[in-house]
Amino acid sequence: MPDFDARQLRDALSAFATGVAVVTARDPDGNPFAMTVNSFTTVSLEPPLVLWSVHRGIGPFDAFNVASHYAVHVLHAGQEDVARHFAQDIDDKFAGIPFDSGIEGLPLLEDFTARFQCRVEQRLDGGDHVMLLGRVLDLDHRPGEPLVFHAGGFRR
């Protein structure tokens, strides 16, 4: 057993600054759903693969765990309100939020610095999380200052 508890681990991990993204998908009934994440990372350029992880204990877990596709929207520094909105535990996160439809009907946010439409290639067990490895099928990029999460708060 390690000589630290979950709180100590979380505090130490918070020293690593991460970008902030919103991941969107559709549930089996076709309803859009989403969540804010900071676990997004590049895996491979050839083939183009990215990865993010979802906690087994959150509301949208079941839907993400069966979705065939997802879209990752990397947020810019002016989107802290968007990050907070999609981090809430509410039923219809898209009420009043405009979005377009992408590959396989993916809900696509209109504002972002980078957006990746992905097909799930593999789900990997990661303890209390499941990692979703995705093949990038399409992308859009708009240069801008990123929204960053560090030490439990948003930063620029």
C-alpha atoms as a PDB file:
ATOM      1  CA  MET A   1       0.000   0.000   0.000  1.00  0.00           C
ATOM      2  CA  PRO A   2       1.271   3.482  -0.778  1.00  0.00           C
ATOM      3  CA  ASP A   3       2.232   5.795   2.050  1.00  0.00           C
ATOM      4  CA  PHE A   4      -0.249   8.527   0.996  1.00  0.00           C
ATOM      5  CA  ASP A   5      -3.997   8.925   0.756  1.00  0.00           C
ATOM      6  CA  ALA A   6      -6.253   9.987  -2.125  1.00  0.00           C
ATOM      7  CA  ARG A   7      -6.301  13.631  -0.974  1.00  0.00           C
ATOM      8  CA  GLN A   8      -2.503  13.815  -0.939  1.00  0.00           C
ATOM      9  CA  LEU A   9      -2.379  12.281  -4.406  1.00  0.00           C
ATOM     10  CA  ARG A  10      -4.976  14.716  -5.725  1.00  0.00           C
ATOM     11  CA  ASP A  11      -3.131  17.697  -4.220  1.00  0.00           C
ATOM     12  CA  ALA A  12       0.166  16.581  -5.764  1.00  0.00           C
ATOM     13  CA  LEU A  13      -1.442  15.975  -9.171  1.00  0.00           C
ATOM     14  CA  SER A  14      -2.951  19.471  -9.088  1.00  0.00           C
ATOM     15  CA  ALA A  15       0.579  20.866  -9.442  1.00  0.00           C
ATOM     16  CA  PHE A  16       0.418  19.818 -13.097  1.00  0.00           C
ATOM     17  CA  ALA A  17      -1.328  22.497 -15.172  1.00  0.00           C
ATOM     18  CA  THR A  18      -3.705  21.129 -17.810  1.00  0.00           C
ATOM     19  CA  GLY A  19      -5.823  22.474 -20.593  1.00  0.00           C
ATOM     20  CA  VAL A  20      -9.609  22.460 -20.265  1.00  0.00           C
ATOM     21  CA  ALA A  21     -11.953  20.831 -22.758  1.00  0.00           C
ATOM     22  CA  VAL A  22     -15.606  19.938 -23.186  1.00  0.00           C
ATOM     23  CA  VAL A  23     -16.322  16.472 -24.562  1.00  0.00           C
ATOM     24  CA  THR A  24     -19.654  15.946 -26.314  1.00  0.00           C
ATOM     25  CA  ALA A  25     -21.463  12.891 -27.677  1.00  0.00           C
ATOM     26  CA  ARG A  26     -24.948  11.467 -28.176  1.00  0.00           C
ATOM     27  CA  ASP A  27     -26.618   8.869 -25.987  1.00  0.00           C
ATOM     28  CA  PRO A  28     -28.264   5.746 -27.489  1.00  0.00           C
ATOM     29  CA  ASP A  29     -31.543   7.707 -27.862  1.00  0.00           C
ATOM     30  CA  GLY A  30     -29.784  10.480 -29.820  1.00  0.00           C
ATOM     31  CA  ASN A  31     -29.790  13.059 -27.012  1.00  0.00           C
ATOM     32  CA  PRO A  32     -26.700  15.275 -26.784  1.00  0.00           C
ATOM     33  CA  PHE A  33     -24.659  15.161 -23.584  1.00  0.00           C
ATOM     34  CA  ALA A  34     -21.325  16.605 -22.485  1.00  0.00           C
ATOM     35  CA  MET A  35     -18.880  17.169 -19.676  1.00  0.00           C
ATOM     36  CA  THR A  36     -15.877  19.339 -18.872  1.00  0.00           C
ATOM     37  CA  VAL A  37     -12.554  17.482 -18.670  1.00  0.00           C
ATOM     38  CA  ASN A  38      -8.898  18.163 -18.103  1.00  0.00           C
ATOM     39  CA  SER A  39      -7.742  14.622 -18.890  1.00  0.00           C
ATOM     40  CA  PHE A  40      -7.368  15.119 -22.657  1.00  0.00           C
ATOM     41  CA  THR A  41      -4.035  14.195 -24.257  1.00  0.00           C
ATOM     42  CA  THR A  42      -2.368  13.268 -27.520  1.00  0.00           C
ATOM     43  CA  VAL A  43      -1.415   9.626 -27.983  1.00  0.00           C
ATOM     44  CA  SER A  44      -0.198   9.335 -31.584  1.00  0.00           C
ATOM     45  CA  LEU A  45       0.200  11.433 -34.721  1.00  0.00           C
ATOM     46  CA  GLU A  46       0.232   8.407 -37.057  1.00  0.00           C
ATOM     47  CA  PRO A  47      -2.399   7.200 -36.772  1.00  0.00           C
ATOM     48  CA  PRO A  48      -4.055  10.295 -35.237  1.00  0.00           C
ATOM     49  CA  LEU A  49      -5.110   9.158 -31.745  1.00  0.00           C
ATOM     50  CA  VAL A  50      -6.187  11.089 -28.657  1.00  0.00           C
ATOM     51  CA  LEU A  51      -7.306   9.961 -25.220  1.00  0.00           C
ATOM     52  CA  TRP A  52      -9.365  11.245 -22.332  1.00  0.00           C
ATOM     53  CA  SER A  53     -10.790   9.586 -19.244  1.00  0.00           C
ATOM     54  CA  VAL A  54     -14.211   9.565 -17.597  1.00  0.00           C
ATOM     55  CA  HIS A  55     -14.903   8.769 -13.935  1.00  0.00           C
ATOM     56  CA  ARG A  56     -17.141   5.741 -13.424  1.00  0.00           C
ATOM     57  CA  GLY A  57     -19.151   7.543 -10.722  1.00  0.00           C
ATOM     58  CA  ILE A  58     -20.481  10.512 -12.718  1.00  0.00           C
ATOM     59  CA  GLY A  59     -23.866  10.904 -14.409  1.00  0.00           C
ATOM     60  CA  PRO A  60     -22.798  10.788 -18.070  1.00  0.00           C
ATOM     61  CA  PHE A  61     -20.479   7.783 -17.555  1.00  0.00           C
ATOM     62  CA  ASP A  62     -22.928   5.189 -18.911  1.00  0.00           C
ATOM     63  CA  ALA A  63     -23.599   7.222 -22.061  1.00  0.00           C
ATOM     64  CA  PHE A  64     -19.895   7.873 -22.739  1.00  0.00           C
ATOM     65  CA  ASN A  65     -19.127   4.225 -22.067  1.00  0.00           C
ATOM     66  CA  VAL A  66     -21.328   3.132 -25.005  1.00  0.00           C
ATOM     67  CA  ALA A  67     -20.924   6.092 -27.397  1.00  0.00           C
ATOM     68  CA  SER A  68     -19.209   5.215 -30.674  1.00  0.00           C
ATOM     69  CA  HIS A  69     -17.983   8.782 -31.311  1.00  0.00           C
ATOM     70  CA  TYR A  70     -17.113  11.879 -29.305  1.00  0.00           C
ATOM     71  CA  ALA A  71     -15.940  15.429 -29.948  1.00  0.00           C
ATOM     72  CA  VAL A  72     -13.336  17.233 -27.849  1.00  0.00           C
ATOM     73  CA  HIS A  73     -13.539  21.047 -27.727  1.00  0.00           C
ATOM     74  CA  VAL A  74     -10.381  22.666 -26.317  1.00  0.00           C
ATOM     75  CA  LEU A  75     -11.478  25.884 -24.603  1.00  0.00           C
ATOM     76  CA  HIS A  76      -9.874  29.317 -24.850  1.00  0.00           C
ATOM     77  CA  ALA A  77      -9.147  31.700 -21.982  1.00  0.00           C
ATOM     78  CA  GLY A  78     -12.487  33.483 -22.379  1.00  0.00           C
ATOM     79  CA  GLN A  79     -14.554  30.324 -21.837  1.00  0.00           C
ATOM     80  CA  GLU A  80     -14.407  29.751 -18.093  1.00  0.00           C
ATOM     81  CA  ASP A  81     -18.216  30.094 -17.986  1.00  0.00           C
ATOM     82  CA  VAL A  82     -18.546  27.325 -20.614  1.00  0.00           C
ATOM     83  CA  ALA A  83     -16.240  25.067 -18.595  1.00  0.00           C
ATOM     84  CA  ARG A  84     -18.276  25.691 -15.445  1.00  0.00           C
ATOM     85  CA  HIS A  85     -21.588  25.150 -17.274  1.00  0.00           C
ATOM     86  CA  PHE A  86     -20.638  21.726 -18.648  1.00  0.00           C
ATOM     87  CA  ALA A  87     -19.100  20.715 -15.306  1.00  0.00           C
ATOM     88  CA  GLN A  88     -22.500  21.039 -13.590  1.00  0.00           C
ATOM     89  CA  ASP A  89     -24.610  18.009 -12.762  1.00  0.00           C
ATOM     90  CA  ILE A  90     -27.740  19.041 -14.689  1.00  0.00           C
ATOM     91  CA  ASP A  91     -30.031  16.992 -16.932  1.00  0.00           C
ATOM     92  CA  ASP A  92     -30.007  19.027 -20.153  1.00  0.00           C
ATOM     93  CA  LYS A  93     -26.620  20.672 -20.498  1.00  0.00           C
ATOM     94  CA  PHE A  94     -27.513  21.894 -23.979  1.00  0.00           C
ATOM     95  CA  ALA A  95     -30.587  23.920 -22.975  1.00  0.00           C
ATOM     96  CA  GLY A  96     -29.915  27.363 -24.434  1.00  0.00           C
ATOM     97  CA  ILE A  97     -26.511  26.324 -25.820  1.00  0.00           C
ATOM     98  CA  PRO A  98     -26.241  26.609 -29.625  1.00  0.00           C
ATOM     99  CA  PHE A  99     -24.512  23.733 -31.377  1.00  0.00           C
ATOM    100  CA  ASP A 100     -24.059  22.250 -34.831  1.00  0.00           C
ATOM    101  CA  SER A 101     -24.074  18.591 -35.868  1.00  0.00           C
ATOM    102  CA  GLY A 102     -20.904  16.814 -36.900  1.00  0.00           C
ATOM    103  CA  ILE A 103     -19.840  13.290 -37.793  1.00  0.00           C
ATOM    104  CA  GLU A 104     -22.460  10.737 -36.684  1.00  0.00           C
ATOM    105  CA  GLY A 105     -24.537  13.676 -35.408  1.00  0.00           C
ATOM    106  CA  LEU A 106     -21.954  14.743 -32.812  1.00  0.00           C
ATOM    107  CA  PRO A 107     -23.021  17.932 -31.016  1.00  0.00           C
ATOM    108  CA  LEU A 108     -20.388  20.538 -31.921  1.00  0.00           C
ATOM    109  CA  LEU A 109     -19.900  23.717 -29.914  1.00  0.00           C
ATOM    110  CA  GLU A 110     -19.424  26.829 -32.009  1.00  0.00           C
ATOM    111  CA  ASP A 111     -16.612  28.415 -29.958  1.00  0.00           C
ATOM    112  CA  PHE A 112     -13.270  26.686 -29.218  1.00  0.00           C
ATOM    113  CA  THR A 113      -9.539  26.884 -29.917  1.00  0.00           C
ATOM    114  CA  ALA A 114      -9.367  23.328 -31.243  1.00  0.00           C
ATOM    115  CA  ARG A 115     -12.024  20.722 -31.931  1.00  0.00           C
ATOM    116  CA  PHE A 116     -11.512  17.031 -32.644  1.00  0.00           C
ATOM    117  CA  GLN A 117     -14.221  14.675 -33.904  1.00  0.00           C
ATOM    118  CA  CYS A 118     -13.273  11.132 -32.967  1.00  0.00           C
ATOM    119  CA  ARG A 119     -14.368   7.518 -33.303  1.00  0.00           C
ATOM    120  CA  VAL A 120     -13.789   5.397 -30.203  1.00  0.00           C
ATOM    121  CA  GLU A 121     -11.043   2.886 -30.989  1.00  0.00           C
ATOM    122  CA  GLN A 122     -10.706   1.348 -27.557  1.00  0.00           C
ATOM    123  CA  ARG A 123     -11.887   1.630 -23.963  1.00  0.00           C
ATOM    124  CA  LEU A 124      -9.237   0.942 -21.354  1.00  0.00           C
ATOM    125  CA  ASP A 125      -9.818   0.137 -17.700  1.00  0.00           C
ATOM    126  CA  GLY A 126      -8.175   2.727 -15.501  1.00  0.00           C
ATOM    127  CA  GLY A 127      -9.319   1.938 -11.961  1.00  0.00           C
ATOM    128  CA  ASP A 128     -12.117   4.352 -11.084  1.00  0.00           C
ATOM    129  CA  HIS A 129     -11.937   5.768 -14.644  1.00  0.00           C
ATOM    130  CA  VAL A 130     -12.321   4.439 -18.175  1.00  0.00           C
ATOM    131  CA  MET A 131      -9.961   5.862 -20.784  1.00  0.00           C
ATOM    132  CA  LEU A 132     -11.445   6.445 -24.229  1.00  0.00           C
ATOM    133  CA  LEU A 133      -8.882   6.160 -26.990  1.00  0.00           C
ATOM    134  CA  GLY A 134     -10.193   7.870 -30.099  1.00  0.00           C
ATOM    135  CA  ARG A 135      -9.138   8.132 -33.725  1.00  0.00           C
ATOM    136  CA  VAL A 136      -9.337  11.729 -34.932  1.00  0.00           C
ATOM    137  CA  LEU A 137     -11.582  11.820 -38.005  1.00  0.00           C
ATOM    138  CA  ASP A 138     -11.775  15.601 -38.414  1.00  0.00           C
ATOM    139  CA  LEU A 139     -10.378  18.690 -36.695  1.00  0.00           C
ATOM    140  CA  ASP A 140     -10.675  22.451 -36.598  1.00  0.00           C
ATOM    141  CA  HIS A 141      -8.161  24.868 -35.092  1.00  0.00           C
ATOM    142  CA  ARG A 142      -8.351  28.542 -34.167  1.00  0.00           C
ATOM    143  CA  PRO A 143      -5.239  29.908 -32.456  1.00  0.00           C
ATOM    144  CA  GLY A 144      -5.889  31.549 -29.103  1.00  0.00           C
ATOM    145  CA  GLU A 145      -4.858  31.752 -25.473  1.00  0.00           C
ATOM    146  CA  PRO A 146      -5.840  28.521 -23.680  1.00  0.00           C
ATOM    147  CA  LEU A 147      -7.984  28.102 -20.595  1.00  0.00           C
ATOM    148  CA  VAL A 148      -5.841  26.303 -18.023  1.00  0.00           C
ATOM    149  CA  PHE A 149      -6.672  24.407 -14.837  1.00  0.00           C
ATOM    150  CA  HIS A 150      -4.057  24.422 -12.072  1.00  0.00           C
ATOM    151  CA  ALA A 151      -4.128  23.829  -8.310  1.00  0.00           C
ATOM    152  CA  GLY A 152      -7.916  23.527  -8.232  1.00  0.00           C
ATOM    153  CA  GLY A 153      -8.743  26.639 -10.252  1.00  0.00           C
ATOM    154  CA  PHE A 154      -8.952  28.115 -13.724  1.00  0.00           C
ATOM    155  CA  ARG A 155      -5.949  30.125 -14.938  1.00  0.00           C
ATOM    156  CA  ARG A 156      -4.928  32.025 -18.044  1.00  0.00           C
END
